[in-house]
Amino acid sequence: MPENPNYFEFIAYTYPTFFAIILSSFLTLFAAFTAIRQSRKTAREKNSIDFETSYKTNSSIVNAWQLIMPLMKRKDSNYLKLSNGKIKQEEIDAINLILNTWERAANGIFHNIYDGNFLYKTYGSTVLYLYSNLYGYIEDRQNVNPRFYIQFSKLYIRWKIKRQEEDRTNVDKELSQILKKLNKYT
């Protein structure tokens, strides 16, 4: 043992495997964290693919889309307001099914259950089209309860901003402010 050893020399001399054990522990810990992170990413991707498959093949959703497409082609969001009494109950049920499905998907995206980027690439245009064409209905429902479709609304705003950035158009500052407020309260 060296004369007047410092603390590290003392440990290295007295316990020669100490530093090797510490180093291997850190390497094992790093490998475990990396594996967990990769596992979570893979799970999000699998969940997203499962959502996509389910969404495209679910007969209830396919039928609901067939009912609401003619309504959305009208481009008259006032027609979809419940207060008008113009839409039939089966159309209301179809709209609710589609919007509730996307509300759950938005919750999954915001809680890292689904891969938001994957779903954006697959359904970005669908969500933007759906929200803008069903806005009258969504607005009516939110007048009854402001929490209705709040996650879907937040998803729409995020994806709208993302689309504007991709298209290199000016990002609507009002949308950015609304998104900040929504993120604060949800």
C-alpha atoms as a PDB file:
ATOM      1  CA  MET A   1       0.000   0.000   0.000  1.00  0.00           C
ATOM      2  CA  PRO A   2       1.374   3.438  -0.920  1.00  0.00           C
ATOM      3  CA  GLU A   3       2.440   5.840   1.805  1.00  0.00           C
ATOM      4  CA  ASN A   4      -0.211   8.422   2.716  1.00  0.00           C
ATOM      5  CA  PRO A   5      -2.780   7.089   0.271  1.00  0.00           C
ATOM      6  CA  ASN A   6      -5.783   9.196  -0.608  1.00  0.00           C
ATOM      7  CA  TYR A   7      -9.262   7.805  -0.226  1.00  0.00           C
ATOM      8  CA  PHE A   8      -9.519   6.373  -3.756  1.00  0.00           C
ATOM      9  CA  GLU A   9      -6.090   4.729  -3.592  1.00  0.00           C
ATOM     10  CA  PHE A  10      -7.045   3.190  -0.262  1.00  0.00           C
ATOM     11  CA  ILE A  11     -10.263   1.723  -1.680  1.00  0.00           C
ATOM     12  CA  ALA A  12      -8.525   0.547  -4.866  1.00  0.00           C
ATOM     13  CA  TYR A  13      -5.786  -1.162  -2.863  1.00  0.00           C
ATOM     14  CA  THR A  14      -8.042  -2.606  -0.172  1.00  0.00           C
ATOM     15  CA  TYR A  15     -10.942  -3.583  -2.478  1.00  0.00           C
ATOM     16  CA  PRO A  16      -9.461  -4.131  -5.940  1.00  0.00           C
ATOM     17  CA  THR A  17     -12.816  -5.061  -7.560  1.00  0.00           C
ATOM     18  CA  PHE A  18     -14.744  -2.078  -6.161  1.00  0.00           C
ATOM     19  CA  PHE A  19     -14.387   0.170  -9.231  1.00  0.00           C
ATOM     20  CA  ALA A  20     -15.112  -2.706 -11.606  1.00  0.00           C
ATOM     21  CA  ILE A  21     -18.318  -3.455  -9.723  1.00  0.00           C
ATOM     22  CA  ILE A  22     -19.361   0.223  -9.783  1.00  0.00           C
ATOM     23  CA  LEU A  23     -18.629   0.502 -13.512  1.00  0.00           C
ATOM     24  CA  SER A  24     -20.524  -2.695 -14.331  1.00  0.00           C
ATOM     25  CA  SER A  25     -23.454  -1.497 -12.194  1.00  0.00           C
ATOM     26  CA  PHE A  26     -23.642   1.777 -14.139  1.00  0.00           C
ATOM     27  CA  LEU A  27     -23.415  -0.054 -17.455  1.00  0.00           C
ATOM     28  CA  THR A  28     -26.179  -2.448 -16.386  1.00  0.00           C
ATOM     29  CA  LEU A  29     -28.346   0.446 -15.247  1.00  0.00           C
ATOM     30  CA  PHE A  30     -27.789   2.268 -18.541  1.00  0.00           C
ATOM     31  CA  ALA A  31     -28.669  -0.871 -20.517  1.00  0.00           C
ATOM     32  CA  ALA A  32     -31.832  -1.371 -18.449  1.00  0.00           C
ATOM     33  CA  PHE A  33     -32.993   2.224 -18.994  1.00  0.00           C
ATOM     34  CA  THR A  34     -32.277   1.962 -22.709  1.00  0.00           C
ATOM     35  CA  ALA A  35     -34.219  -1.311 -22.946  1.00  0.00           C
ATOM     36  CA  ILE A  36     -37.187   0.139 -21.029  1.00  0.00           C
ATOM     37  CA  ARG A  37     -37.261   3.238 -23.212  1.00  0.00           C
ATOM     38  CA  GLN A  38     -37.112   1.153 -26.387  1.00  0.00           C
ATOM     39  CA  SER A  39     -39.805  -1.162 -25.037  1.00  0.00           C
ATOM     40  CA  ARG A  40     -42.113   1.793 -24.369  1.00  0.00           C
ATOM     41  CA  LYS A  41     -41.506   3.148 -27.862  1.00  0.00           C
ATOM     42  CA  THR A  42     -42.265  -0.237 -29.394  1.00  0.00           C
ATOM     43  CA  ALA A  43     -45.445  -0.527 -27.304  1.00  0.00           C
ATOM     44  CA  ARG A  44     -46.611   2.928 -28.481  1.00  0.00           C
ATOM     45  CA  GLU A  45     -45.978   1.961 -32.094  1.00  0.00           C
ATOM     46  CA  LYS A  46     -47.830  -1.351 -31.664  1.00  0.00           C
ATOM     47  CA  ASN A  47     -50.765   0.376 -29.964  1.00  0.00           C
ATOM     48  CA  SER A  48     -50.905   2.900 -32.805  1.00  0.00           C
ATOM     49  CA  ILE A  49     -50.955   0.168 -35.430  1.00  0.00           C
ATOM     50  CA  ASP A  50     -53.655  -1.653 -33.463  1.00  0.00           C
ATOM     51  CA  PHE A  51     -55.707   1.566 -33.335  1.00  0.00           C
ATOM     52  CA  GLU A  52     -55.273   2.079 -37.074  1.00  0.00           C
ATOM     53  CA  THR A  53     -56.314  -1.493 -37.856  1.00  0.00           C
ATOM     54  CA  SER A  54     -59.287  -1.342 -35.522  1.00  0.00           C
ATOM     55  CA  TYR A  55     -60.376   2.047 -36.854  1.00  0.00           C
ATOM     56  CA  LYS A  56     -60.279   0.931 -40.473  1.00  0.00           C
ATOM     57  CA  THR A  57     -61.977  -2.431 -39.937  1.00  0.00           C
ATOM     58  CA  ASN A  58     -64.558  -1.685 -37.255  1.00  0.00           C
ATOM     59  CA  SER A  59     -67.920  -2.004 -39.001  1.00  0.00           C
ATOM     60  CA  SER A  60     -69.599   0.478 -36.634  1.00  0.00           C
ATOM     61  CA  ILE A  61     -67.043   3.142 -37.484  1.00  0.00           C
ATOM     62  CA  VAL A  62     -67.215   2.393 -41.216  1.00  0.00           C
ATOM     63  CA  ASN A  63     -71.029   2.701 -41.080  1.00  0.00           C
ATOM     64  CA  ALA A  64     -70.788   5.896 -39.030  1.00  0.00           C
ATOM     65  CA  TRP A  65     -68.496   7.436 -41.645  1.00  0.00           C
ATOM     66  CA  GLN A  66     -70.980   6.539 -44.362  1.00  0.00           C
ATOM     67  CA  LEU A  67     -73.688   8.389 -42.448  1.00  0.00           C
ATOM     68  CA  ILE A  68     -71.720  11.510 -41.655  1.00  0.00           C
ATOM     69  CA  MET A  69     -69.871  12.028 -44.960  1.00  0.00           C
ATOM     70  CA  PRO A  70     -72.945  13.541 -46.681  1.00  0.00           C
ATOM     71  CA  LEU A  71     -73.433  15.813 -43.666  1.00  0.00           C
ATOM     72  CA  MET A  72     -69.849  17.040 -43.781  1.00  0.00           C
ATOM     73  CA  LYS A  73     -69.966  17.650 -47.521  1.00  0.00           C
ATOM     74  CA  ARG A  74     -72.650  20.277 -46.900  1.00  0.00           C
ATOM     75  CA  LYS A  75     -69.944  22.631 -45.580  1.00  0.00           C
ATOM     76  CA  ASP A  76     -72.609  24.172 -43.352  1.00  0.00           C
ATOM     77  CA  SER A  77     -71.582  23.787 -39.720  1.00  0.00           C
ATOM     78  CA  ASN A  78     -74.853  25.398 -38.581  1.00  0.00           C
ATOM     79  CA  TYR A  79     -76.756  22.465 -40.077  1.00  0.00           C
ATOM     80  CA  LEU A  80     -75.034  20.173 -37.578  1.00  0.00           C
ATOM     81  CA  LYS A  81     -76.088  22.160 -34.541  1.00  0.00           C
ATOM     82  CA  LEU A  82     -78.383  20.166 -32.306  1.00  0.00           C
ATOM     83  CA  SER A  83     -80.520  23.231 -31.713  1.00  0.00           C
ATOM     84  CA  ASN A  84     -81.641  23.188 -35.371  1.00  0.00           C
ATOM     85  CA  GLY A  85     -83.272  19.801 -34.940  1.00  0.00           C
ATOM     86  CA  LYS A  86     -82.395  18.944 -38.546  1.00  0.00           C
ATOM     87  CA  ILE A  87     -80.115  15.983 -37.967  1.00  0.00           C
ATOM     88  CA  LYS A  88     -81.541  12.572 -37.197  1.00  0.00           C
ATOM     89  CA  GLN A  89     -80.763  10.536 -34.105  1.00  0.00           C
ATOM     90  CA  GLU A  90     -78.836   7.929 -36.114  1.00  0.00           C
ATOM     91  CA  GLU A  91     -76.657  10.727 -37.515  1.00  0.00           C
ATOM     92  CA  ILE A  92     -76.085  12.095 -34.009  1.00  0.00           C
ATOM     93  CA  ASP A  93     -75.094   8.606 -32.850  1.00  0.00           C
ATOM     94  CA  ALA A  94     -72.697   8.265 -35.796  1.00  0.00           C
ATOM     95  CA  ILE A  95     -71.088  11.642 -35.085  1.00  0.00           C
ATOM     96  CA  ASN A  96     -70.758  10.763 -31.396  1.00  0.00           C
ATOM     97  CA  LEU A  97     -69.135   7.421 -32.231  1.00  0.00           C
ATOM     98  CA  ILE A  98     -66.529   9.019 -34.483  1.00  0.00           C
ATOM     99  CA  LEU A  99     -65.811  11.936 -32.141  1.00  0.00           C
ATOM    100  CA  ASN A 100     -65.672   9.703 -29.044  1.00  0.00           C
ATOM    101  CA  THR A 101     -63.235   7.412 -30.838  1.00  0.00           C
ATOM    102  CA  TRP A 102     -60.996  10.383 -31.620  1.00  0.00           C
ATOM    103  CA  GLU A 103     -61.389  11.745 -28.092  1.00  0.00           C
ATOM    104  CA  ARG A 104     -60.039   8.421 -26.774  1.00  0.00           C
ATOM    105  CA  ALA A 105     -57.267   8.462 -29.376  1.00  0.00           C
ATOM    106  CA  ALA A 106     -56.298  12.003 -28.346  1.00  0.00           C
ATOM    107  CA  ASN A 107     -56.161  10.889 -24.713  1.00  0.00           C
ATOM    108  CA  GLY A 108     -53.944   7.990 -25.779  1.00  0.00           C
ATOM    109  CA  ILE A 109     -51.644  10.326 -27.680  1.00  0.00           C
ATOM    110  CA  PHE A 110     -51.361  12.795 -24.797  1.00  0.00           C
ATOM    111  CA  HIS A 111     -50.651   9.986 -22.313  1.00  0.00           C
ATOM    112  CA  ASN A 112     -48.023   8.369 -24.573  1.00  0.00           C
ATOM    113  CA  ILE A 113     -50.072   5.246 -25.208  1.00  0.00           C
ATOM    114  CA  TYR A 114     -50.176   5.982 -28.937  1.00  0.00           C
ATOM    115  CA  ASP A 115     -47.412   7.355 -31.130  1.00  0.00           C
ATOM    116  CA  GLY A 116     -48.737  10.795 -32.050  1.00  0.00           C
ATOM    117  CA  ASN A 117     -46.349  11.216 -34.988  1.00  0.00           C
ATOM    118  CA  PHE A 118     -47.408   7.902 -36.515  1.00  0.00           C
ATOM    119  CA  LEU A 119     -51.095   8.741 -36.163  1.00  0.00           C
ATOM    120  CA  TYR A 120     -50.508  12.262 -37.487  1.00  0.00           C
ATOM    121  CA  LYS A 121     -48.897  10.845 -40.627  1.00  0.00           C
ATOM    122  CA  THR A 122     -51.774   8.419 -41.049  1.00  0.00           C
ATOM    123  CA  TYR A 123     -54.764  10.477 -39.923  1.00  0.00           C
ATOM    124  CA  GLY A 124     -53.644  14.119 -39.826  1.00  0.00           C
ATOM    125  CA  SER A 125     -55.831  15.194 -42.743  1.00  0.00           C
ATOM    126  CA  THR A 126     -58.744  13.138 -41.430  1.00  0.00           C
ATOM    127  CA  VAL A 127     -58.674  14.822 -38.022  1.00  0.00           C
ATOM    128  CA  LEU A 128     -58.343  18.299 -39.538  1.00  0.00           C
ATOM    129  CA  TYR A 129     -61.203  17.629 -41.962  1.00  0.00           C
ATOM    130  CA  LEU A 130     -63.379  16.024 -39.284  1.00  0.00           C
ATOM    131  CA  TYR A 131     -62.983  18.838 -36.784  1.00  0.00           C
ATOM    132  CA  SER A 132     -63.493  21.670 -39.231  1.00  0.00           C
ATOM    133  CA  ASN A 133     -66.594  20.057 -40.761  1.00  0.00           C
ATOM    134  CA  LEU A 134     -68.152  18.990 -37.459  1.00  0.00           C
ATOM    135  CA  TYR A 135     -67.299  22.187 -35.625  1.00  0.00           C
ATOM    136  CA  GLY A 136     -70.949  23.292 -35.365  1.00  0.00           C
ATOM    137  CA  TYR A 137     -71.833  20.049 -33.595  1.00  0.00           C
ATOM    138  CA  ILE A 138     -68.745  20.182 -31.355  1.00  0.00           C
ATOM    139  CA  GLU A 139     -69.487  23.802 -30.445  1.00  0.00           C
ATOM    140  CA  ASP A 140     -73.084  22.919 -29.543  1.00  0.00           C
ATOM    141  CA  ARG A 141     -71.922  20.062 -27.332  1.00  0.00           C
ATOM    142  CA  GLN A 142     -69.306  22.268 -25.646  1.00  0.00           C
ATOM    143  CA  ASN A 143     -71.974  24.872 -24.908  1.00  0.00           C
ATOM    144  CA  VAL A 144     -73.719  22.194 -22.843  1.00  0.00           C
ATOM    145  CA  ASN A 145     -70.481  21.027 -21.215  1.00  0.00           C
ATOM    146  CA  PRO A 146     -67.174  22.758 -22.032  1.00  0.00           C
ATOM    147  CA  ARG A 147     -65.263  19.510 -21.351  1.00  0.00           C
ATOM    148  CA  PHE A 148     -66.908  17.651 -24.266  1.00  0.00           C
ATOM    149  CA  TYR A 149     -64.321  16.781 -26.914  1.00  0.00           C
ATOM    150  CA  ILE A 150     -61.672  18.927 -25.242  1.00  0.00           C
ATOM    151  CA  GLN A 151     -58.847  16.458 -25.955  1.00  0.00           C
ATOM    152  CA  PHE A 152     -59.970  16.111 -29.565  1.00  0.00           C
ATOM    153  CA  SER A 153     -60.047  19.916 -29.851  1.00  0.00           C
ATOM    154  CA  LYS A 154     -56.545  20.107 -28.414  1.00  0.00           C
ATOM    155  CA  LEU A 155     -55.376  17.431 -30.866  1.00  0.00           C
ATOM    156  CA  TYR A 156     -56.900  19.378 -33.740  1.00  0.00           C
ATOM    157  CA  ILE A 157     -55.122  22.567 -32.711  1.00  0.00           C
ATOM    158  CA  ARG A 158     -51.769  20.808 -32.308  1.00  0.00           C
ATOM    159  CA  TRP A 159     -52.070  19.095 -35.657  1.00  0.00           C
ATOM    160  CA  LYS A 160     -53.319  22.275 -37.344  1.00  0.00           C
ATOM    161  CA  ILE A 161     -50.255  24.153 -36.100  1.00  0.00           C
ATOM    162  CA  LYS A 162     -48.022  21.265 -37.191  1.00  0.00           C
ATOM    163  CA  ARG A 163     -49.605  21.287 -40.647  1.00  0.00           C
ATOM    164  CA  GLN A 164     -49.101  25.048 -40.942  1.00  0.00           C
ATOM    165  CA  GLU A 165     -45.438  24.611 -39.990  1.00  0.00           C
ATOM    166  CA  GLU A 166     -45.021  21.819 -42.554  1.00  0.00           C
ATOM    167  CA  ASP A 167     -46.664  23.906 -45.250  1.00  0.00           C
ATOM    168  CA  ARG A 168     -44.367  26.781 -44.268  1.00  0.00           C
ATOM    169  CA  THR A 169     -47.333  29.067 -43.823  1.00  0.00           C
ATOM    170  CA  ASN A 170     -47.585  31.530 -40.988  1.00  0.00           C
ATOM    171  CA  VAL A 171     -48.641  29.730 -37.851  1.00  0.00           C
ATOM    172  CA  ASP A 172     -51.861  31.230 -36.575  1.00  0.00           C
ATOM    173  CA  LYS A 173     -50.841  33.018 -33.371  1.00  0.00           C
ATOM    174  CA  GLU A 174     -54.360  32.777 -32.005  1.00  0.00           C
ATOM    175  CA  LEU A 175     -54.214  28.965 -32.335  1.00  0.00           C
ATOM    176  CA  SER A 176     -50.899  28.915 -30.491  1.00  0.00           C
ATOM    177  CA  GLN A 177     -52.384  30.974 -27.643  1.00  0.00           C
ATOM    178  CA  ILE A 178     -55.455  28.738 -27.452  1.00  0.00           C
ATOM    179  CA  LEU A 179     -53.232  25.655 -27.328  1.00  0.00           C
ATOM    180  CA  LYS A 180     -51.215  27.147 -24.455  1.00  0.00           C
ATOM    181  CA  LYS A 181     -54.434  27.778 -22.515  1.00  0.00           C
ATOM    182  CA  LEU A 182     -55.733  24.278 -23.238  1.00  0.00           C
ATOM    183  CA  ASN A 183     -52.460  22.721 -22.120  1.00  0.00           C
ATOM    184  CA  LYS A 184     -52.664  24.732 -18.916  1.00  0.00           C
ATOM    185  CA  TYR A 185     -56.144  23.475 -18.023  1.00  0.00           C
ATOM    186  CA  THR A 186     -55.985  19.875 -19.270  1.00  0.00           C
END
